Each structure stands twice: as structure tokens, then as C-alpha cells.
PDB file of N, CA and C in Angstrom:
ATOM      1  N   UNK A   1      57.573 104.349 257.383  1.00  0.00           N
ATOM      2  CA  UNK A   1      58.756 104.273 256.386  1.00  0.00           C
ATOM      3  C   UNK A   1      58.726 105.601 255.572  1.00  0.00           C
ATOM      4  N   UNK A   2      60.009 106.092 255.449  1.00  0.00           N
ATOM      5  CA  UNK A   2      60.290 107.310 254.641  1.00  0.00           C
ATOM      6  C   UNK A   2      60.065 106.942 253.137  1.00  0.00           C
ATOM      7  N   UNK A   3      59.378 107.983 252.444  1.00  0.00           N
ATOM      8  CA  UNK A   3      59.258 107.630 250.943  1.00  0.00           C
ATOM      9  C   UNK A   3      60.512 108.139 250.458  1.00  0.00           C
ATOM     10  N   UNK A   4      61.034 107.132 249.384  1.00  0.00           N
ATOM     11  CA  UNK A   4      62.196 107.572 248.650  1.00  0.00           C
ATOM     12  C   UNK A   4      61.930 108.451 247.590  1.00  0.00           C
ATOM     13  N   UNK A   5      62.701 109.455 247.493  1.00  0.00           N
ATOM     14  CA  UNK A   5      62.406 110.588 246.450  1.00  0.00           C
ATOM     15  C   UNK A   5      63.340 110.370 245.416  1.00  0.00           C
ATOM     16  N   UNK A   6      62.998 110.030 244.181  1.00  0.00           N
ATOM     17  CA  UNK A   6      63.730 109.976 243.052  1.00  0.00           C
ATOM     18  C   UNK A   6      63.461 111.157 242.280  1.00  0.00           C
ATOM     19  N   UNK A   7      64.359 111.688 241.558  1.00  0.00           N
ATOM     20  CA  UNK A   7      64.300 112.958 240.604  1.00  0.00           C
ATOM     21  C   UNK A   7      64.366 112.358 239.179  1.00  0.00           C
ATOM     22  N   UNK A   8      63.185 112.759 238.454  1.00  0.00           N
ATOM     23  CA  UNK A   8      63.157 112.444 237.047  1.00  0.00           C
ATOM     24  C   UNK A   8      63.022 113.741 236.344  1.00  0.00           C
ATOM     25  N   UNK A   9      63.696 113.732 235.112  1.00  0.00           N
ATOM     26  CA  UNK A   9      63.759 114.969 234.252  1.00  0.00           C
ATOM     27  C   UNK A   9      62.745 114.999 233.213  1.00  0.00           C
ATOM     28  N   UNK A  10      61.897 113.908 233.077  1.00  0.00           N
ATOM     29  CA  UNK A  10      60.785 113.896 232.088  1.00  0.00           C
ATOM     30  C   UNK A  10      59.526 113.566 232.778  1.00  0.00           C
ATOM     31  N   UNK A  11      58.357 113.886 232.229  1.00  0.00           N
ATOM     32  CA  UNK A  11      57.009 113.496 232.760  1.00  0.00           C
ATOM     33  C   UNK A  11      56.774 111.878 232.532  1.00  0.00           C
ATOM     34  N   UNK A  12      57.300 111.371 231.545  1.00  0.00           N
ATOM     35  CA  UNK A  12      57.161 109.877 231.357  1.00  0.00           C
ATOM     36  C   UNK A  12      58.373 109.492 230.547  1.00  0.00           C
ATOM     37  N   UNK A  13      58.386 108.287 230.626  1.00  0.00           N
ATOM     38  CA  UNK A  13      59.714 107.435 230.066  1.00  0.00           C
ATOM     39  C   UNK A  13      59.029 106.301 229.336  1.00  0.00           C
ATOM     40  N   UNK A  14      59.938 106.079 228.177  1.00  0.00           N
ATOM     41  CA  UNK A  14      59.572 104.776 227.348  1.00  0.00           C
ATOM     42  C   UNK A  14      59.899 103.733 228.192  1.00  0.00           C
ATOM     43  N   UNK A  15      59.388 102.542 227.998  1.00  0.00           N
ATOM     44  CA  UNK A  15      59.612 101.345 228.878  1.00  0.00           C
ATOM     45  C   UNK A  15      61.114 100.969 229.068  1.00  0.00           C
ATOM     46  N   UNK A  16      61.719 100.990 227.899  1.00  0.00           N
ATOM     47  CA  UNK A  16      63.231 100.693 227.910  1.00  0.00           C
ATOM     48  C   UNK A  16      63.877 101.641 228.792  1.00  0.00           C
ATOM     49  N   UNK A  17      63.634 102.846 228.657  1.00  0.00           N
ATOM     50  CA  UNK A  17      64.337 104.098 229.434  1.00  0.00           C
ATOM     51  C   UNK A  17      64.107 103.849 230.957  1.00  0.00           C
ATOM     52  N   UNK A  18      62.789 103.556 231.269  1.00  0.00           N
ATOM     53  CA  UNK A  18      62.425 103.382 232.722  1.00  0.00           C
ATOM     54  C   UNK A  18      63.240 102.169 233.281  1.00  0.00           C
ATOM     55  N   UNK A  19      63.311 101.071 232.568  1.00  0.00           N
ATOM     56  CA  UNK A  19      63.780  99.968 233.088  1.00  0.00           C
ATOM     57  C   UNK A  19      65.464 100.207 233.258  1.00  0.00           C
ATOM     58  N   UNK A  20      66.023 101.050 232.395  1.00  0.00           N
ATOM     59  CA  UNK A  20      67.461 101.417 232.632  1.00  0.00           C
ATOM     60  C   UNK A  20      67.510 102.166 233.770  1.00  0.00           C
ATOM     61  N   UNK A  21      66.772 103.171 233.927  1.00  0.00           N
ATOM     62  CA  UNK A  21      66.762 104.214 235.004  1.00  0.00           C
ATOM     63  C   UNK A  21      66.640 103.492 236.466  1.00  0.00           C
ATOM     64  N   UNK A  22      65.772 102.525 236.482  1.00  0.00           N
ATOM     65  CA  UNK A  22      65.475 101.888 237.741  1.00  0.00           C
ATOM     66  C   UNK A  22      66.230 100.624 237.880  1.00  0.00           C
ATOM     67  N   UNK A  23      67.068 100.308 237.084  1.00  0.00           N
ATOM     68  CA  UNK A  23      67.881  99.003 237.050  1.00  0.00           C
ATOM     69  C   UNK A  23      67.032  97.750 237.295  1.00  0.00           C
ATOM     70  N   UNK A  24      66.007  97.756 236.509  1.00  0.00           N
ATOM     71  CA  UNK A  24      65.077  96.669 236.544  1.00  0.00           C
ATOM     72  C   UNK A  24      65.119  95.822 235.233  1.00  0.00           C
ATOM     73  N   UNK A  25      64.919  94.626 235.221  1.00  0.00           N
ATOM     74  CA  UNK A  25      64.839  93.820 234.014  1.00  0.00           C
ATOM     75  C   UNK A  25      63.333  93.744 233.391  1.00  0.00           C
ATOM     76  N   UNK A  26      63.310  93.643 232.100  1.00  0.00           N
ATOM     77  CA  UNK A  26      61.982  93.502 231.517  1.00  0.00           C
ATOM     78  C   UNK A  26      61.289  92.443 231.921  1.00  0.00           C
ATOM     79  N   UNK A  27      61.829  91.214 232.318  1.00  0.00           N
ATOM     80  CA  UNK A  27      61.017  90.140 232.737  1.00  0.00           C
ATOM     81  C   UNK A  27      60.498  90.345 234.141  1.00  0.00           C
ATOM     82  N   UNK A  28      61.305  91.147 234.970  1.00  0.00           N
ATOM     83  CA  UNK A  28      60.792  91.508 236.327  1.00  0.00           C
ATOM     84  C   UNK A  28      59.550  92.367 236.168  1.00  0.00           C
ATOM     85  N   UNK A  29      59.576  93.387 235.309  1.00  0.00           N
ATOM     86  CA  UNK A  29      58.448  94.301 234.985  1.00  0.00           C
ATOM     87  C   UNK A  29      57.224  93.714 234.583  1.00  0.00           C
ATOM     88  N   UNK A  30      57.432  92.669 233.579  1.00  0.00           N
ATOM     89  CA  UNK A  30      56.197  91.892 233.169  1.00  0.00           C
ATOM     90  C   UNK A  30      55.689  90.972 234.160  1.00  0.00           C
ATOM     91  N   UNK A  31      56.527  90.497 235.022  1.00  0.00           N
ATOM     92  CA  UNK A  31      56.036  89.583 236.212  1.00  0.00           C
ATOM     93  C   UNK A  31      55.228  90.486 237.238  1.00  0.00           C
ATOM     94  N   UNK A  32      55.647  91.634 237.490  1.00  0.00           N
ATOM     95  CA  UNK A  32      54.984  92.609 238.380  1.00  0.00           C
ATOM     96  C   UNK A  32      53.472  92.850 237.662  1.00  0.00           C
ATOM     97  N   UNK A  33      53.622  93.326 236.336  1.00  0.00           N
ATOM     98  CA  UNK A  33      52.447  93.650 235.545  1.00  0.00           C
ATOM     99  C   UNK A  33      51.418  92.441 235.579  1.00  0.00           C
ATOM    100  N   UNK A  34      51.786  91.296 235.460  1.00  0.00           N
ATOM    101  CA  UNK A  34      50.914  90.171 235.372  1.00  0.00           C
ATOM    102  C   UNK A  34      50.377  89.829 236.736  1.00  0.00           C
ATOM    103  N   UNK A  35      51.191  89.889 237.782  1.00  0.00           N
ATOM    104  CA  UNK A  35      50.552  89.767 239.073  1.00  0.00           C
ATOM    105  C   UNK A  35      49.589  90.805 239.539  1.00  0.00           C
ATOM    106  N   UNK A  36      49.956  92.000 239.052  1.00  0.00           N
ATOM    107  CA  UNK A  36      48.958  93.024 239.450  1.00  0.00           C
ATOM    108  C   UNK A  36      47.592  92.909 238.611  1.00  0.00           C
ATOM    109  N   UNK A  37      47.736  92.499 237.449  1.00  0.00           N
ATOM    110  CA  UNK A  37      46.409  92.285 236.668  1.00  0.00           C
ATOM    111  C   UNK A  37      45.717  91.204 237.203  1.00  0.00           C
ATOM    112  N   UNK A  38      46.422  90.112 237.621  1.00  0.00           N
ATOM    113  CA  UNK A  38      45.783  88.867 238.237  1.00  0.00           C
ATOM    114  C   UNK A  38      45.094  89.218 239.347  1.00  0.00           C
ATOM    115  N   UNK A  39      45.732  90.255 240.197  1.00  0.00           N
ATOM    116  CA  UNK A  39      45.155  90.545 241.503  1.00  0.00           C
ATOM    117  C   UNK A  39      43.890  91.743 241.354  1.00  0.00           C
ATOM    118  N   UNK A  40      43.571  91.952 240.110  1.00  0.00           N
ATOM    119  CA  UNK A  40      42.496  92.770 239.894  1.00  0.00           C
ATOM    120  C   UNK A  40      42.739  94.223 239.596  1.00  0.00           C
ATOM    121  N   UNK A  41      44.061  94.505 239.653  1.00  0.00           N
ATOM    122  CA  UNK A  41      44.403  95.906 239.386  1.00  0.00           C
ATOM    123  C   UNK A  41      44.556  96.296 237.976  1.00  0.00           C
ATOM    124  N   UNK A  42      44.783  97.500 237.528  1.00  0.00           N
ATOM    125  CA  UNK A  42      45.045  98.009 236.155  1.00  0.00           C
ATOM    126  C   UNK A  42      46.351  98.262 236.144  1.00  0.00           C
ATOM    127  N   UNK A  43      46.841  98.251 234.813  1.00  0.00           N
ATOM    128  CA  UNK A  43      48.361  98.926 234.597  1.00  0.00           C
ATOM    129  C   UNK A  43      48.491 100.280 234.841  1.00  0.00           C
ATOM    130  N   UNK A  44      47.418 101.117 234.631  1.00  0.00           N
ATOM    131  CA  UNK A  44      47.432 102.491 234.926  1.00  0.00           C
ATOM    132  C   UNK A  44      47.768 102.751 236.445  1.00  0.00           C
ATOM    133  N   UNK A  45      47.206 101.788 237.369  1.00  0.00           N
ATOM    134  CA  UNK A  45      47.618 102.016 238.703  1.00  0.00           C
ATOM    135  C   UNK A  45      49.207 102.051 238.967  1.00  0.00           C
ATOM    136  N   UNK A  46      49.885 101.252 238.022  1.00  0.00           N
ATOM    137  CA  UNK A  46      51.385 101.168 238.058  1.00  0.00           C
ATOM    138  C   UNK A  46      52.009 102.344 237.466  1.00  0.00           C
ATOM    139  N   UNK A  47      51.340 103.226 236.728  1.00  0.00           N
ATOM    140  CA  UNK A  47      51.910 104.242 235.989  1.00  0.00           C
ATOM    141  C   UNK A  47      52.072 104.042 234.498  1.00  0.00           C
ATOM    142  N   UNK A  48      51.399 102.976 233.966  1.00  0.00           N
ATOM    143  CA  UNK A  48      51.425 102.517 232.522  1.00  0.00           C
ATOM    144  C   UNK A  48      50.782 103.599 231.718  1.00  0.00           C
ATOM    145  N   UNK A  49      51.284 104.117 230.612  1.00  0.00           N
ATOM    146  CA  UNK A  49      50.675 104.948 229.671  1.00  0.00           C
ATOM    147  C   UNK A  49      50.843 104.389 228.164  1.00  0.00           C
ATOM    148  N   UNK A  50      49.777 104.408 227.540  1.00  0.00           N
ATOM    149  CA  UNK A  50      49.993 103.874 226.060  1.00  0.00           C
ATOM    150  C   UNK A  50      49.646 105.157 225.122  1.00  0.00           C
ATOM    151  N   UNK A  51      50.465 105.758 224.332  1.00  0.00           N
ATOM    152  CA  UNK A  51      50.154 106.815 223.581  1.00  0.00           C
ATOM    153  C   UNK A  51      50.156 106.376 222.079  1.00  0.00           C
ATOM    154  N   UNK A  52      49.176 106.975 221.366  1.00  0.00           N
ATOM    155  CA  UNK A  52      48.984 106.676 219.947  1.00  0.00           C
ATOM    156  C   UNK A  52      50.291 107.163 219.268  1.00  0.00           C
ATOM    157  N   UNK A  53      50.857 106.257 218.423  1.00  0.00           N
ATOM    158  CA  UNK A  53      51.944 106.527 217.606  1.00  0.00           C
ATOM    159  C   UNK A  53      53.377 106.205 218.189  1.00  0.00           C
ATOM    160  N   UNK A  54      53.306 105.834 219.482  1.00  0.00           N
ATOM    161  CA  UNK A  54      54.492 105.432 220.078  1.00  0.00           C
ATOM    162  C   UNK A  54      54.565 103.880 219.942  1.00  0.00           C
ATOM    163  N   UNK A  55      55.556 103.392 219.533  1.00  0.00           N
ATOM    164  CA  UNK A  55      55.842 101.812 219.413  1.00  0.00           C
ATOM    165  C   UNK A  55      55.927 101.224 220.735  1.00  0.00           C
ATOM    166  N   UNK A  56      56.541 101.985 221.691  1.00  0.00           N
ATOM    167  CA  UNK A  56      56.769 101.403 222.892  1.00  0.00           C
ATOM    168  C   UNK A  56      55.730 101.904 223.901  1.00  0.00           C
ATOM    169  N   UNK A  57      55.480 101.227 224.961  1.00  0.00           N
ATOM    170  CA  UNK A  57      54.646 101.811 226.107  1.00  0.00           C
ATOM    171  C   UNK A  57      55.456 102.790 226.817  1.00  0.00           C
ATOM    172  N   UNK A  58      54.807 103.709 227.527  1.00  0.00           N
ATOM    173  CA  UNK A  58      55.426 104.570 228.343  1.00  0.00           C
ATOM    174  C   UNK A  58      55.052 104.647 229.806  1.00  0.00           C
ATOM    175  N   UNK A  59      55.776 105.115 230.774  1.00  0.00           N
ATOM    176  CA  UNK A  59      55.422 105.013 232.197  1.00  0.00           C
ATOM    177  C   UNK A  59      55.578 106.353 232.750  1.00  0.00           C
ATOM    178  N   UNK A  60      54.678 106.607 233.808  1.00  0.00           N
ATOM    179  CA  UNK A  60      54.793 107.759 234.576  1.00  0.00           C
ATOM    180  C   UNK A  60      55.849 107.255 235.885  1.00  0.00           C
ATOM    181  N   UNK A  61      56.904 107.774 235.835  1.00  0.00           N
ATOM    182  CA  UNK A  61      57.981 107.336 236.682  1.00  0.00           C
ATOM    183  C   UNK A  61      57.655 107.510 238.214  1.00  0.00           C
ATOM    184  N   UNK A  62      57.058 108.586 238.437  1.00  0.00           N
ATOM    185  CA  UNK A  62      56.637 108.998 239.948  1.00  0.00           C
ATOM    186  C   UNK A  62      55.612 108.003 240.398  1.00  0.00           C
ATOM    187  N   UNK A  63      54.601 107.755 239.485  1.00  0.00           N
ATOM    188  CA  UNK A  63      53.533 106.909 240.026  1.00  0.00           C
ATOM    189  C   UNK A  63      54.052 105.425 239.984  1.00  0.00           C
ATOM    190  N   UNK A  64      54.931 105.090 239.037  1.00  0.00           N
ATOM    191  CA  UNK A  64      55.562 103.636 239.233  1.00  0.00           C
ATOM    192  C   UNK A  64      56.497 103.526 240.361  1.00  0.00           C
ATOM    193  N   UNK A  65      57.309 104.388 240.676  1.00  0.00           N
ATOM    194  CA  UNK A  65      58.118 104.238 241.857  1.00  0.00           C
ATOM    195  C   UNK A  65      57.301 104.186 243.153  1.00  0.00           C
ATOM    196  N   UNK A  66      56.257 104.974 243.255  1.00  0.00           N
ATOM    197  CA  UNK A  66      55.382 105.002 244.387  1.00  0.00           C
ATOM    198  C   UNK A  66      54.662 103.465 244.458  1.00  0.00           C
ATOM    199  N   UNK A  67      54.305 102.900 243.347  1.00  0.00           N
ATOM    200  CA  UNK A  67      53.723 101.645 243.242  1.00  0.00           C
ATOM    201  C   UNK A  67      54.592 100.640 243.663  1.00  0.00           C
ATOM    202  N   UNK A  68      55.852 100.700 243.347  1.00  0.00           N
ATOM    203  CA  UNK A  68      56.950  99.767 243.645  1.00  0.00           C
ATOM    204  C   UNK A  68      57.007  99.771 245.218  1.00  0.00           C
ATOM    205  N   UNK A  69      57.251 101.027 245.697  1.00  0.00           N
ATOM    206  CA  UNK A  69      57.356 101.186 247.069  1.00  0.00           C
ATOM    207  C   UNK A  69      56.223 100.443 247.970  1.00  0.00           C
ATOM    208  N   UNK A  70      55.004 100.778 247.467  1.00  0.00           N
ATOM    209  CA  UNK A  70      53.907 100.425 248.311  1.00  0.00           C
ATOM    210  C   UNK A  70      53.746  98.811 248.084  1.00  0.00           C
ATOM    211  N   UNK A  71      53.871  98.314 246.973  1.00  0.00           N
ATOM    212  CA  UNK A  71      53.399  96.861 246.724  1.00  0.00           C
ATOM    213  C   UNK A  71      54.620  95.854 246.739  1.00  0.00           C
ATOM    214  N   UNK A  72      56.012  96.349 246.490  1.00  0.00           N
ATOM    215  CA  UNK A  72      57.062  95.390 246.202  1.00  0.00           C
ATOM    216  C   UNK A  72      58.222  95.571 247.268  1.00  0.00           C
ATOM    217  N   UNK A  73      58.264  96.695 247.911  1.00  0.00           N
ATOM    218  CA  UNK A  73      59.402  96.864 248.735  1.00  0.00           C
ATOM    219  C   UNK A  73      59.212  96.139 250.011  1.00  0.00           C
ATOM    220  N   UNK A  74      60.254  95.234 250.369  1.00  0.00           N
ATOM    221  CA  UNK A  74      60.035  94.364 251.545  1.00  0.00           C
ATOM    222  C   UNK A  74      59.900  95.302 252.788  1.00  0.00           C
ATOM    223  N   UNK A  75      59.045  94.883 253.700  1.00  0.00           N
ATOM    224  CA  UNK A  75      59.013  95.735 255.034  1.00  0.00           C
ATOM    225  C   UNK A  75      59.989  95.173 255.926  1.00  0.00           C
ATOM    226  N   UNK A  76      60.667  96.016 256.711  1.00  0.00           N
ATOM    227  CA  UNK A  76      61.524  95.567 257.840  1.00  0.00           C
ATOM    228  C   UNK A  76      60.673  94.965 258.834  1.00  0.00           C
ATOM    229  N   UNK A  77      61.017  93.866 259.583  1.00  0.00           N
ATOM    230  CA  UNK A  77      60.316  93.318 260.556  1.00  0.00           C
ATOM    231  C   UNK A  77      60.252  94.239 261.854  1.00  0.00           C
ATOM    232  N   UNK A  78      59.024  94.325 262.276  1.00  0.00           N
ATOM    233  CA  UNK A  78      58.802  95.232 263.600  1.00  0.00           C
ATOM    234  C   UNK A  78      58.991  94.540 264.874  1.00  0.00           C
ATOM    235  N   UNK A  79      58.602  93.427 264.695  1.00  0.00           N
ATOM    236  CA  UNK A  79      58.625  92.568 266.012  1.00  0.00           C
ATOM    237  C   UNK A  79      59.541  91.211 265.952  1.00  0.00           C
ATOM    238  N   UNK A  80      59.998  90.806 267.157  1.00  0.00           N
ATOM    239  CA  UNK A  80      60.828  89.652 266.863  1.00  0.00           C
ATOM    240  C   UNK A  80      60.382  88.478 266.279  1.00  0.00           C
ATOM    241  N   UNK A  81      59.170  88.124 266.624  1.00  0.00           N
ATOM    242  CA  UNK A  81      58.368  87.031 265.977  1.00  0.00           C
ATOM    243  C   UNK A  81      58.363  87.042 264.473  1.00  0.00           C
ATOM    244  N   UNK A  82      58.394  88.486 263.972  1.00  0.00           N
ATOM    245  CA  UNK A  82      58.427  88.684 262.446  1.00  0.00           C
ATOM    246  C   UNK A  82      59.750  88.348 261.832  1.00  0.00           C
ATOM    247  N   UNK A  83      60.807  88.725 262.556  1.00  0.00           N
ATOM    248  CA  UNK A  83      62.140  88.310 262.180  1.00  0.00           C
ATOM    249  C   UNK A  83      62.345  86.879 262.339  1.00  0.00           C
ATOM    250  N   UNK A  84      61.898  86.147 263.355  1.00  0.00           N
ATOM    251  CA  UNK A  84      62.007  84.756 263.427  1.00  0.00           C
ATOM    252  C   UNK A  84      61.272  84.058 262.325  1.00  0.00           C
ATOM    253  N   UNK A  85      60.151  84.461 261.849  1.00  0.00           N
ATOM    254  CA  UNK A  85      59.335  83.970 260.742  1.00  0.00           C
ATOM    255  C   UNK A  85      60.161  83.897 259.438  1.00  0.00           C
ATOM    256  N   UNK A  86      60.893  85.171 259.167  1.00  0.00           N
ATOM    257  CA  UNK A  86      61.622  85.376 257.988  1.00  0.00           C
ATOM    258  C   UNK A  86      62.686  84.494 257.881  1.00  0.00           C
ATOM    259  N   UNK A  87      63.505  84.347 259.087  1.00  0.00           N
ATOM    260  CA  UNK A  87      64.577  83.297 259.089  1.00  0.00           C
ATOM    261  C   UNK A  87      64.202  81.922 258.898  1.00  0.00           C
ATOM    262  N   UNK A  88      62.930  81.602 259.586  1.00  0.00           N
ATOM    263  CA  UNK A  88      62.481  80.185 259.359  1.00  0.00           C
ATOM    264  C   UNK A  88      62.090  79.954 257.844  1.00  0.00           C
ATOM    265  N   UNK A  89      61.535  80.968 257.228  1.00  0.00           N
ATOM    266  CA  UNK A  89      61.109  80.697 255.836  1.00  0.00           C
ATOM    267  C   UNK A  89      62.377  80.642 255.013  1.00  0.00           C
ATOM    268  N   UNK A  90      63.413  81.394 255.213  1.00  0.00           N
ATOM    269  CA  UNK A  90      64.676  81.371 254.581  1.00  0.00           C
ATOM    270  C   UNK A  90      65.335  79.968 254.532  1.00  0.00           C
ATOM    271  N   UNK A  91      65.304  79.514 255.890  1.00  0.00           N
ATOM    272  CA  UNK A  91      65.873  78.162 256.029  1.00  0.00           C
ATOM    273  C   UNK A  91      65.097  76.963 255.336  1.00  0.00           C
ATOM    274  N   UNK A  92      63.894  77.070 255.332  1.00  0.00           N
ATOM    275  CA  UNK A  92      63.070  76.215 254.668  1.00  0.00           C
ATOM    276  C   UNK A  92      63.501  76.074 253.112  1.00  0.00           C
ATOM    277  N   UNK A  93      63.567  77.287 252.600  1.00  0.00           N
ATOM    278  CA  UNK A  93      64.097  77.388 251.223  1.00  0.00           C
ATOM    279  C   UNK A  93      65.477  76.643 251.000  1.00  0.00           C
ATOM    280  N   UNK A  94      66.492  77.087 251.819  1.00  0.00           N
ATOM    281  CA  UNK A  94      67.701  76.449 251.881  1.00  0.00           C
ATOM    282  C   UNK A  94      67.508  74.960 251.941  1.00  0.00           C
ATOM    283  N   UNK A  95      66.873  74.313 252.929  1.00  0.00           N
ATOM    284  CA  UNK A  95      66.740  73.075 253.252  1.00  0.00           C
ATOM    285  C   UNK A  95      66.105  72.325 251.897  1.00  0.00           C
ATOM    286  N   UNK A  96      65.086  72.961 251.413  1.00  0.00           N
ATOM    287  CA  UNK A  96      64.409  72.337 250.228  1.00  0.00           C
ATOM    288  C   UNK A  96      65.570  72.422 249.158  1.00  0.00           C
ATOM    289  N   UNK A  97      66.232  73.245 248.850  1.00  0.00           N
ATOM    290  CA  UNK A  97      67.385  73.299 247.844  1.00  0.00           C
ATOM    291  C   UNK A  97      68.323  72.233 248.104  1.00  0.00           C
ATOM    292  N   UNK A  98      68.660  71.961 249.244  1.00  0.00           N
ATOM    293  CA  UNK A  98      69.688  70.956 249.653  1.00  0.00           C
ATOM    294  C   UNK A  98      69.063  69.603 249.344  1.00  0.00           C
ATOM    295  N   UNK A  99      67.871  69.362 249.723  1.00  0.00           N
ATOM    296  CA  UNK A  99      67.071  68.109 249.431  1.00  0.00           C
ATOM    297  C   UNK A  99      66.990  67.749 247.913  1.00  0.00           C
ATOM    298  N   UNK A 100      66.747  68.784 247.289  1.00  0.00           N
ATOM    299  CA  UNK A 100      66.723  68.659 245.846  1.00  0.00           C
ATOM    300  C   UNK A 100      67.999  68.285 245.222  1.00  0.00           C
ATOM    301  N   UNK A 101      69.083  68.904 245.712  1.00  0.00           N
ATOM    302  CA  UNK A 101      70.492  68.546 245.346  1.00  0.00           C
ATOM    303  C   UNK A 101      70.721  66.967 245.423  1.00  0.00           C
ATOM    304  N   UNK A 102      70.363  66.642 246.690  1.00  0.00           N
ATOM    305  CA  UNK A 102      70.643  65.200 247.209  1.00  0.00           C
ATOM    306  C   UNK A 102      69.920  64.257 246.317  1.00  0.00           C
ATOM    307  N   UNK A 103      68.575  64.633 246.044  1.00  0.00           N
ATOM    308  CA  UNK A 103      67.854  63.828 245.135  1.00  0.00           C
ATOM    309  C   UNK A 103      68.393  63.623 243.792  1.00  0.00           C
ATOM    310  N   UNK A 104      68.779  64.657 243.265  1.00  0.00           N
ATOM    311  CA  UNK A 104      69.504  64.652 241.944  1.00  0.00           C
ATOM    312  C   UNK A 104      70.722  63.767 241.919  1.00  0.00           C
ATOM    313  N   UNK A 105      71.553  63.888 243.007  1.00  0.00           N
ATOM    314  CA  UNK A 105      72.675  63.030 242.979  1.00  0.00           C
ATOM    315  C   UNK A 105      72.303  61.541 243.133  1.00  0.00           C
ATOM    316  N   UNK A 106      71.229  61.195 243.745  1.00  0.00           N
ATOM    317  CA  UNK A 106      70.754  59.911 243.946  1.00  0.00           C
ATOM    318  C   UNK A 106      70.438  59.402 242.534  1.00  0.00           C
ATOM    319  N   UNK A 107      69.782  60.160 241.615  1.00  0.00           N
ATOM    320  CA  UNK A 107      69.464  59.719 240.264  1.00  0.00           C
ATOM    321  C   UNK A 107      70.495  59.684 239.297  1.00  0.00           C
ATOM    322  N   UNK A 108      71.626  60.218 239.532  1.00  0.00           N
ATOM    323  CA  UNK A 108      72.654  60.285 238.599  1.00  0.00           C
ATOM    324  C   UNK A 108      73.497  59.111 238.481  1.00  0.00           C
TER     325      UNK A 108
END
């Protein structure tokens, strides 16, 4: 897969700036951080920087986008059976949602 090249004008960004630049919510970033820590990683793997005197955490944008691409970007299916598995999983989610809606209607 080609690496997506972002151009950043600063060596690091405050967390709020990075979230705005990458169009990501704070909740999403916090979830990614918690998952990575739970998996045994460190926040510095993700580009996290904490400077003395800064109220807000900072991020290395190049390291963070590389981490996002490596760990969170959905891979395109390479084989037919992978595509079929993705469709099956999506249909299971849709069916589960429909079943839950029907159950709620029964209890109303």
C-alpha cells in the first residue's frame, strides 16, 4: 500500500490542533490510546509528547499518522474469501441490529 504523505508545517502540534488537522474526535483518539496501552504499547509509539510547562499534550504528527496508517487503516481485501468474510460480518451486524429493534418493539 502506498504511504499517504501529509504535509505538516510544525514539528509537533498540541492535541487540539492535531485533532482538528486530522478531523478526528477527542473520544476517538482517547479510545485509540487506551487500546494501544492495553495491548502493551506506549503512547510515544503513537507520537505522544509531554512537555514541561505545556497544559496540553503534544503530538509528533508524522509519527502519529504513520501509526494510524499501520494500526487503524482498514486493509483492502486481497482475496475473494476475505471480501466474502467482510460482507458476512457486516450482514451479521445488520441482522443483530434488526433483531434488537424487534425485541424492543415486543417490550413496548
